[in-house]
PDB file of N, CA and C in Angstrom:
ATOM      1  N   MET A   1       0.650 -11.449 -28.901  1.00  0.00           N
ATOM      2  CA  MET A   1       1.185 -10.902 -27.673  1.00  0.00           C
ATOM      3  C   MET A   1       0.671  -9.473 -27.516  1.00  0.00           C
ATOM      4  N   ILE A   2       0.332  -9.103 -26.290  1.00  0.00           N
ATOM      5  CA  ILE A   2      -0.144  -7.757 -25.997  1.00  0.00           C
ATOM      6  C   ILE A   2       1.055  -6.832 -25.782  1.00  0.00           C
ATOM      7  N   ALA A   3       1.045  -5.694 -26.421  1.00  0.00           N
ATOM      8  CA  ALA A   3       2.121  -4.708 -26.265  1.00  0.00           C
ATOM      9  C   ALA A   3       1.642  -3.586 -25.352  1.00  0.00           C
ATOM     10  N   ILE A   4       2.493  -3.152 -24.434  1.00  0.00           N
ATOM     11  CA  ILE A   4       2.174  -2.014 -23.575  1.00  0.00           C
ATOM     12  C   ILE A   4       2.571  -0.749 -24.331  1.00  0.00           C
ATOM     13  N   THR A   5       1.603   0.077 -24.629  1.00  0.00           N
ATOM     14  CA  THR A   5       1.898   1.321 -25.337  1.00  0.00           C
ATOM     15  C   THR A   5       1.901   2.512 -24.392  1.00  0.00           C
ATOM     16  N   TYR A   6       1.302   2.362 -23.219  1.00  0.00           N
ATOM     17  CA  TYR A   6       1.307   3.412 -22.206  1.00  0.00           C
ATOM     18  C   TYR A   6       1.191   2.743 -20.841  1.00  0.00           C
ATOM     19  N   ALA A   7       1.914   3.259 -19.882  1.00  0.00           N
ATOM     20  CA  ALA A   7       1.821   2.741 -18.520  1.00  0.00           C
ATOM     21  C   ALA A   7       2.130   3.870 -17.550  1.00  0.00           C
ATOM     22  N   PRO A   8       1.492   3.863 -16.388  1.00  0.00           N
ATOM     23  CA  PRO A   8       1.812   4.875 -15.391  1.00  0.00           C
ATOM     24  C   PRO A   8       3.253   4.704 -14.908  1.00  0.00           C
ATOM     25  N   SER A   9       3.815   5.739 -14.359  1.00  0.00           N
ATOM     26  CA  SER A   9       5.217   5.687 -13.931  1.00  0.00           C
ATOM     27  C   SER A   9       5.444   4.727 -12.776  1.00  0.00           C
ATOM     28  N   ASP A  10       4.404   4.321 -12.084  1.00  0.00           N
ATOM     29  CA  ASP A  10       4.547   3.394 -10.966  1.00  0.00           C
ATOM     30  C   ASP A  10       3.892   2.047 -11.260  1.00  0.00           C
ATOM     31  N   LEU A  11       4.039   1.557 -12.474  1.00  0.00           N
ATOM     32  CA  LEU A  11       3.431   0.298 -12.888  1.00  0.00           C
ATOM     33  C   LEU A  11       4.019  -0.855 -12.083  1.00  0.00           C
ATOM     34  N   VAL A  12       3.260  -1.408 -11.147  1.00  0.00           N
ATOM     35  CA  VAL A  12       3.712  -2.533 -10.330  1.00  0.00           C
ATOM     36  C   VAL A  12       3.483  -3.813 -11.122  1.00  0.00           C
ATOM     37  N   VAL A  13       4.558  -4.569 -11.329  1.00  0.00           N
ATOM     38  CA  VAL A  13       4.483  -5.784 -12.133  1.00  0.00           C
ATOM     39  C   VAL A  13       4.568  -7.052 -11.289  1.00  0.00           C
ATOM     40  N   ALA A  14       4.970  -6.924 -10.014  1.00  0.00           N
ATOM     41  CA  ALA A  14       5.083  -8.098  -9.155  1.00  0.00           C
ATOM     42  C   ALA A  14       5.166  -7.656  -7.702  1.00  0.00           C
ATOM     43  N   ILE A  15       4.908  -8.590  -6.804  1.00  0.00           N
ATOM     44  CA  ILE A  15       5.148  -8.376  -5.379  1.00  0.00           C
ATOM     45  C   ILE A  15       5.947  -9.580  -4.903  1.00  0.00           C
ATOM     46  N   SER A  16       7.096  -9.314  -4.309  1.00  0.00           N
ATOM     47  CA  SER A  16       7.975 -10.369  -3.836  1.00  0.00           C
ATOM     48  C   SER A  16       8.349 -10.119  -2.387  1.00  0.00           C
ATOM     49  N   ASP A  17       8.011 -11.065  -1.529  1.00  0.00           N
ATOM     50  CA  ASP A  17       8.366 -10.985  -0.107  1.00  0.00           C
ATOM     51  C   ASP A  17       7.866  -9.691   0.529  1.00  0.00           C
ATOM     52  N   GLY A  18       6.673  -9.263   0.132  1.00  0.00           N
ATOM     53  CA  GLY A  18       6.079  -8.070   0.711  1.00  0.00           C
ATOM     54  C   GLY A  18       6.514  -6.759   0.088  1.00  0.00           C
ATOM     55  N   ILE A  19       7.363  -6.806  -0.926  1.00  0.00           N
ATOM     56  CA  ILE A  19       7.855  -5.590  -1.569  1.00  0.00           C
ATOM     57  C   ILE A  19       7.334  -5.539  -3.006  1.00  0.00           C
ATOM     58  N   ALA A  20       6.671  -4.435  -3.345  1.00  0.00           N
ATOM     59  CA  ALA A  20       6.162  -4.254  -4.699  1.00  0.00           C
ATOM     60  C   ALA A  20       7.327  -3.927  -5.631  1.00  0.00           C
ATOM     61  N   ILE A  21       7.300  -4.520  -6.807  1.00  0.00           N
ATOM     62  CA  ILE A  21       8.332  -4.311  -7.819  1.00  0.00           C
ATOM     63  C   ILE A  21       7.689  -3.578  -8.990  1.00  0.00           C
ATOM     64  N   ARG A  22       8.291  -2.452  -9.377  1.00  0.00           N
ATOM     65  CA  ARG A  22       7.709  -1.696 -10.485  1.00  0.00           C
ATOM     66  C   ARG A  22       8.604  -1.779 -11.714  1.00  0.00           C
ATOM     67  N   PHE A  23       7.963  -1.590 -12.850  1.00  0.00           N
ATOM     68  CA  PHE A  23       8.660  -1.566 -14.123  1.00  0.00           C
ATOM     69  C   PHE A  23       9.440  -0.263 -14.197  1.00  0.00           C
ATOM     70  N   GLY A  24      10.753  -0.347 -14.431  1.00  0.00           N
ATOM     71  CA  GLY A  24      11.588   0.842 -14.440  1.00  0.00           C
ATOM     72  C   GLY A  24      11.935   1.363 -15.816  1.00  0.00           C
ATOM     73  N   GLY A  25      11.891   0.505 -16.828  1.00  0.00           N
ATOM     74  CA  GLY A  25      12.211   0.959 -18.167  1.00  0.00           C
ATOM     75  C   GLY A  25      12.779  -0.149 -19.031  1.00  0.00           C
ATOM     76  N   VAL A  26      12.997   0.185 -20.290  1.00  0.00           N
ATOM     77  CA  VAL A  26      13.553  -0.739 -21.278  1.00  0.00           C
ATOM     78  C   VAL A  26      14.611   0.006 -22.070  1.00  0.00           C
ATOM     79  N   GLU A  27      15.699  -0.673 -22.352  1.00  0.00           N
ATOM     80  CA  GLU A  27      16.746  -0.096 -23.191  1.00  0.00           C
ATOM     81  C   GLU A  27      17.159  -1.106 -24.253  1.00  0.00           C
ATOM     82  N   LEU A  28      17.419  -0.636 -25.430  1.00  0.00           N
ATOM     83  CA  LEU A  28      17.994  -1.470 -26.477  1.00  0.00           C
ATOM     84  C   LEU A  28      19.499  -1.224 -26.446  1.00  0.00           C
ATOM     85  N   GLN A  29      20.262  -2.265 -26.099  1.00  0.00           N
ATOM     86  CA  GLN A  29      21.715  -2.148 -25.969  1.00  0.00           C
ATOM     87  C   GLN A  29      22.374  -3.383 -26.539  1.00  0.00           C
ATOM     88  N   ASP A  30      23.699  -3.363 -26.537  1.00  0.00           N
ATOM     89  CA  ASP A  30      24.451  -4.550 -26.917  1.00  0.00           C
ATOM     90  C   ASP A  30      24.642  -5.435 -25.687  1.00  0.00           C
ATOM     91  N   VAL A  31      24.736  -6.736 -25.923  1.00  0.00           N
ATOM     92  CA  VAL A  31      24.943  -7.686 -24.836  1.00  0.00           C
ATOM     93  C   VAL A  31      26.322  -7.453 -24.216  1.00  0.00           C
ATOM     94  N   PRO A  32      26.401  -7.371 -22.867  1.00  0.00           N
ATOM     95  CA  PRO A  32      27.717  -7.277 -22.227  1.00  0.00           C
ATOM     96  C   PRO A  32      28.425  -8.640 -22.261  1.00  0.00           C
ATOM     97  N   ASN A  33      29.705  -8.659 -21.947  1.00  0.00           N
ATOM     98  CA  ASN A  33      30.495  -9.896 -21.997  1.00  0.00           C
ATOM     99  C   ASN A  33      30.068 -10.945 -20.980  1.00  0.00           C
ATOM    100  N   TYR A  34      29.470 -10.575 -19.871  1.00  0.00           N
ATOM    101  CA  TYR A  34      29.291 -11.490 -18.758  1.00  0.00           C
ATOM    102  C   TYR A  34      27.958 -12.231 -18.737  1.00  0.00           C
ATOM    103  N   VAL A  35      27.096 -12.109 -19.714  1.00  0.00           N
ATOM    104  CA  VAL A  35      25.786 -12.759 -19.646  1.00  0.00           C
ATOM    105  C   VAL A  35      25.727 -14.119 -20.338  1.00  0.00           C
ATOM    106  N   GLY A  36      26.822 -14.579 -20.872  1.00  0.00           N
ATOM    107  CA  GLY A  36      26.844 -15.882 -21.502  1.00  0.00           C
ATOM    108  C   GLY A  36      26.411 -15.869 -22.954  1.00  0.00           C
ATOM    109  N   ALA A  37      26.125 -14.707 -23.482  1.00  0.00           N
ATOM    110  CA  ALA A  37      25.785 -14.571 -24.900  1.00  0.00           C
ATOM    111  C   ALA A  37      26.969 -13.937 -25.611  1.00  0.00           C
ATOM    112  N   LYS A  38      26.928 -13.942 -26.907  1.00  0.00           N
ATOM    113  CA  LYS A  38      28.008 -13.357 -27.692  1.00  0.00           C
ATOM    114  C   LYS A  38      28.021 -11.842 -27.478  1.00  0.00           C
ATOM    115  N   ALA A  39      29.120 -11.314 -26.966  1.00  0.00           N
ATOM    116  CA  ALA A  39      29.237  -9.881 -26.679  1.00  0.00           C
ATOM    117  C   ALA A  39      29.008  -9.061 -27.941  1.00  0.00           C
ATOM    118  N   GLY A  40      28.284  -7.973 -27.792  1.00  0.00           N
ATOM    119  CA  GLY A  40      28.053  -7.074 -28.900  1.00  0.00           C
ATOM    120  C   GLY A  40      26.767  -7.328 -29.668  1.00  0.00           C
ATOM    121  N   GLU A  41      26.102  -8.457 -29.404  1.00  0.00           N
ATOM    122  CA  GLU A  41      24.828  -8.750 -30.069  1.00  0.00           C
ATOM    123  C   GLU A  41      23.753  -7.809 -29.531  1.00  0.00           C
ATOM    124  N   PRO A  42      22.779  -7.422 -30.340  1.00  0.00           N
ATOM    125  CA  PRO A  42      21.698  -6.564 -29.852  1.00  0.00           C
ATOM    126  C   PRO A  42      20.886  -7.280 -28.773  1.00  0.00           C
ATOM    127  N   SER A  43      20.432  -6.540 -27.786  1.00  0.00           N
ATOM    128  CA  SER A  43      19.629  -7.134 -26.714  1.00  0.00           C
ATOM    129  C   SER A  43      18.691  -6.085 -26.123  1.00  0.00           C
ATOM    130  N   ILE A  44      17.735  -6.572 -25.364  1.00  0.00           N
ATOM    131  CA  ILE A  44      16.781  -5.701 -24.671  1.00  0.00           C
ATOM    132  C   ILE A  44      17.049  -5.829 -23.180  1.00  0.00           C
ATOM    133  N   HIS A  45      17.240  -4.709 -22.506  1.00  0.00           N
ATOM    134  CA  HIS A  45      17.490  -4.683 -21.065  1.00  0.00           C
ATOM    135  C   HIS A  45      16.239  -4.158 -20.363  1.00  0.00           C
ATOM    136  N   PHE A  46      15.661  -4.969 -19.481  1.00  0.00           N
ATOM    137  CA  PHE A  46      14.505  -4.560 -18.687  1.00  0.00           C
ATOM    138  C   PHE A  46      14.988  -4.131 -17.319  1.00  0.00           C
ATOM    139  N   HIS A  47      14.493  -3.006 -16.834  1.00  0.00           N
ATOM    140  CA  HIS A  47      14.883  -2.496 -15.525  1.00  0.00           C
ATOM    141  C   HIS A  47      13.694  -2.574 -14.579  1.00  0.00           C
ATOM    142  N   LEU A  48      13.942  -3.114 -13.393  1.00  0.00           N
ATOM    143  CA  LEU A  48      12.929  -3.211 -12.353  1.00  0.00           C
ATOM    144  C   LEU A  48      13.423  -2.455 -11.135  1.00  0.00           C
ATOM    145  N   SER A  49      12.486  -2.020 -10.308  1.00  0.00           N
ATOM    146  CA  SER A  49      12.848  -1.241  -9.130  1.00  0.00           C
ATOM    147  C   SER A  49      11.881  -1.545  -7.996  1.00  0.00           C
ATOM    148  N   GLY A  50      12.399  -1.656  -6.784  1.00  0.00           N
ATOM    149  CA  GLY A  50      11.537  -1.857  -5.623  1.00  0.00           C
ATOM    150  C   GLY A  50      10.825  -0.559  -5.261  1.00  0.00           C
ATOM    151  N   VAL A  51       9.543  -0.671  -4.955  1.00  0.00           N
ATOM    152  CA  VAL A  51       8.753   0.501  -4.573  1.00  0.00           C
ATOM    153  C   VAL A  51       9.015   0.806  -3.107  1.00  0.00           C
ATOM    154  N   ARG A  52       9.403   2.042  -2.820  1.00  0.00           N
ATOM    155  CA  ARG A  52       9.649   2.446  -1.436  1.00  0.00           C
ATOM    156  C   ARG A  52       8.341   2.428  -0.653  1.00  0.00           C
ATOM    157  N   GLY A  53       8.406   1.884   0.529  1.00  0.00           N
ATOM    158  CA  GLY A  53       7.234   1.803   1.389  1.00  0.00           C
ATOM    159  C   GLY A  53       7.665   1.408   2.790  1.00  0.00           C
ATOM    160  N   MET A  54       6.698   1.061   3.607  1.00  0.00           N
ATOM    161  CA  MET A  54       6.983   0.714   5.004  1.00  0.00           C
ATOM    162  C   MET A  54       7.895  -0.517   5.102  1.00  0.00           C
ATOM    163  N   GLU A  55       7.657  -1.513   4.259  1.00  0.00           N
ATOM    164  CA  GLU A  55       8.478  -2.729   4.303  1.00  0.00           C
ATOM    165  C   GLU A  55       9.937  -2.433   3.949  1.00  0.00           C
ATOM    166  N   THR A  56      10.179  -1.664   2.900  1.00  0.00           N
ATOM    167  CA  THR A  56      11.563  -1.353   2.526  1.00  0.00           C
ATOM    168  C   THR A  56      12.221  -0.456   3.566  1.00  0.00           C
ATOM    169  N   ALA A  57      11.470   0.476   4.150  1.00  0.00           N
ATOM    170  CA  ALA A  57      12.027   1.344   5.193  1.00  0.00           C
ATOM    171  C   ALA A  57      12.434   0.527   6.424  1.00  0.00           C
ATOM    172  N   THR A  58      11.594  -0.443   6.808  1.00  0.00           N
ATOM    173  CA  THR A  58      11.908  -1.307   7.953  1.00  0.00           C
ATOM    174  C   THR A  58      13.165  -2.130   7.682  1.00  0.00           C
ATOM    175  N   ARG A  59      13.260  -2.683   6.495  1.00  0.00           N
ATOM    176  CA  ARG A  59      14.435  -3.495   6.152  1.00  0.00           C
ATOM    177  C   ARG A  59      15.696  -2.639   6.047  1.00  0.00           C
ATOM    178  N   ASP A  60      15.571  -1.438   5.519  1.00  0.00           N
ATOM    179  CA  ASP A  60      16.728  -0.539   5.450  1.00  0.00           C
ATOM    180  C   ASP A  60      17.234  -0.197   6.845  1.00  0.00           C
ATOM    181  N   ALA A  61      16.318   0.102   7.757  1.00  0.00           N
ATOM    182  CA  ALA A  61      16.707   0.438   9.126  1.00  0.00           C
ATOM    183  C   ALA A  61      17.387  -0.754   9.800  1.00  0.00           C
ATOM    184  N   GLN A  62      16.837  -1.950   9.598  1.00  0.00           N
ATOM    185  CA  GLN A  62      17.436  -3.147  10.170  1.00  0.00           C
ATOM    186  C   GLN A  62      18.836  -3.382   9.605  1.00  0.00           C
ATOM    187  N   PHE A  63      18.989  -3.197   8.310  1.00  0.00           N
ATOM    188  CA  PHE A  63      20.295  -3.363   7.672  1.00  0.00           C
ATOM    189  C   PHE A  63      21.308  -2.384   8.256  1.00  0.00           C
ATOM    190  N   ARG A  64      20.908  -1.125   8.418  1.00  0.00           N
ATOM    191  CA  ARG A  64      21.826  -0.114   8.970  1.00  0.00           C
ATOM    192  C   ARG A  64      22.241  -0.460  10.397  1.00  0.00           C
ATOM    193  N   ARG A  65      21.288  -0.922  11.209  1.00  0.00           N
ATOM    194  CA  ARG A  65      21.628  -1.315  12.595  1.00  0.00           C
ATOM    195  C   ARG A  65      22.627  -2.457  12.594  1.00  0.00           C
ATOM    196  N   GLU A  66      22.370  -3.482  11.795  1.00  0.00           N
ATOM    197  CA  GLU A  66      23.263  -4.633  11.743  1.00  0.00           C
ATOM    198  C   GLU A  66      24.636  -4.264  11.172  1.00  0.00           C
ATOM    199  N   TRP A  67      24.660  -3.345  10.229  1.00  0.00           N
ATOM    200  CA  TRP A  67      25.924  -2.907   9.634  1.00  0.00           C
ATOM    201  C   TRP A  67      26.790  -2.210  10.686  1.00  0.00           C
ATOM    202  N   GLN A  68      26.175  -1.392  11.538  1.00  0.00           N
ATOM    203  CA  GLN A  68      26.921  -0.669  12.572  1.00  0.00           C
ATOM    204  C   GLN A  68      27.412  -1.613  13.676  1.00  0.00           C
ATOM    205  N   ILE A  69      26.635  -2.646  13.985  1.00  0.00           N
ATOM    206  CA  ILE A  69      27.002  -3.607  15.032  1.00  0.00           C
ATOM    207  C   ILE A  69      28.118  -4.516  14.540  1.00  0.00           C
ATOM    208  N   GLY A  70      28.006  -4.972  13.280  1.00  0.00           N
ATOM    209  CA  GLY A  70      28.922  -5.971  12.722  1.00  0.00           C
ATOM    210  C   GLY A  70      30.263  -5.442  12.488  1.00  0.00           C
TER     211      GLY A  70
END
């Protein structure tokens, strides 16, 4: 398996529905109660984040308009 030893802060790992998804980080933590695993067991948490751009700005604006109307 290839290990990532260095990556730029905006490492895009996927594109979903026109929105780029970047790698946000990794944490070594204990499993929470709600994931179906035994609570307290060691686990790795991967964080992903949507990259801000024209598509996310358009969707945010649409959401705000609909929120005010609804």
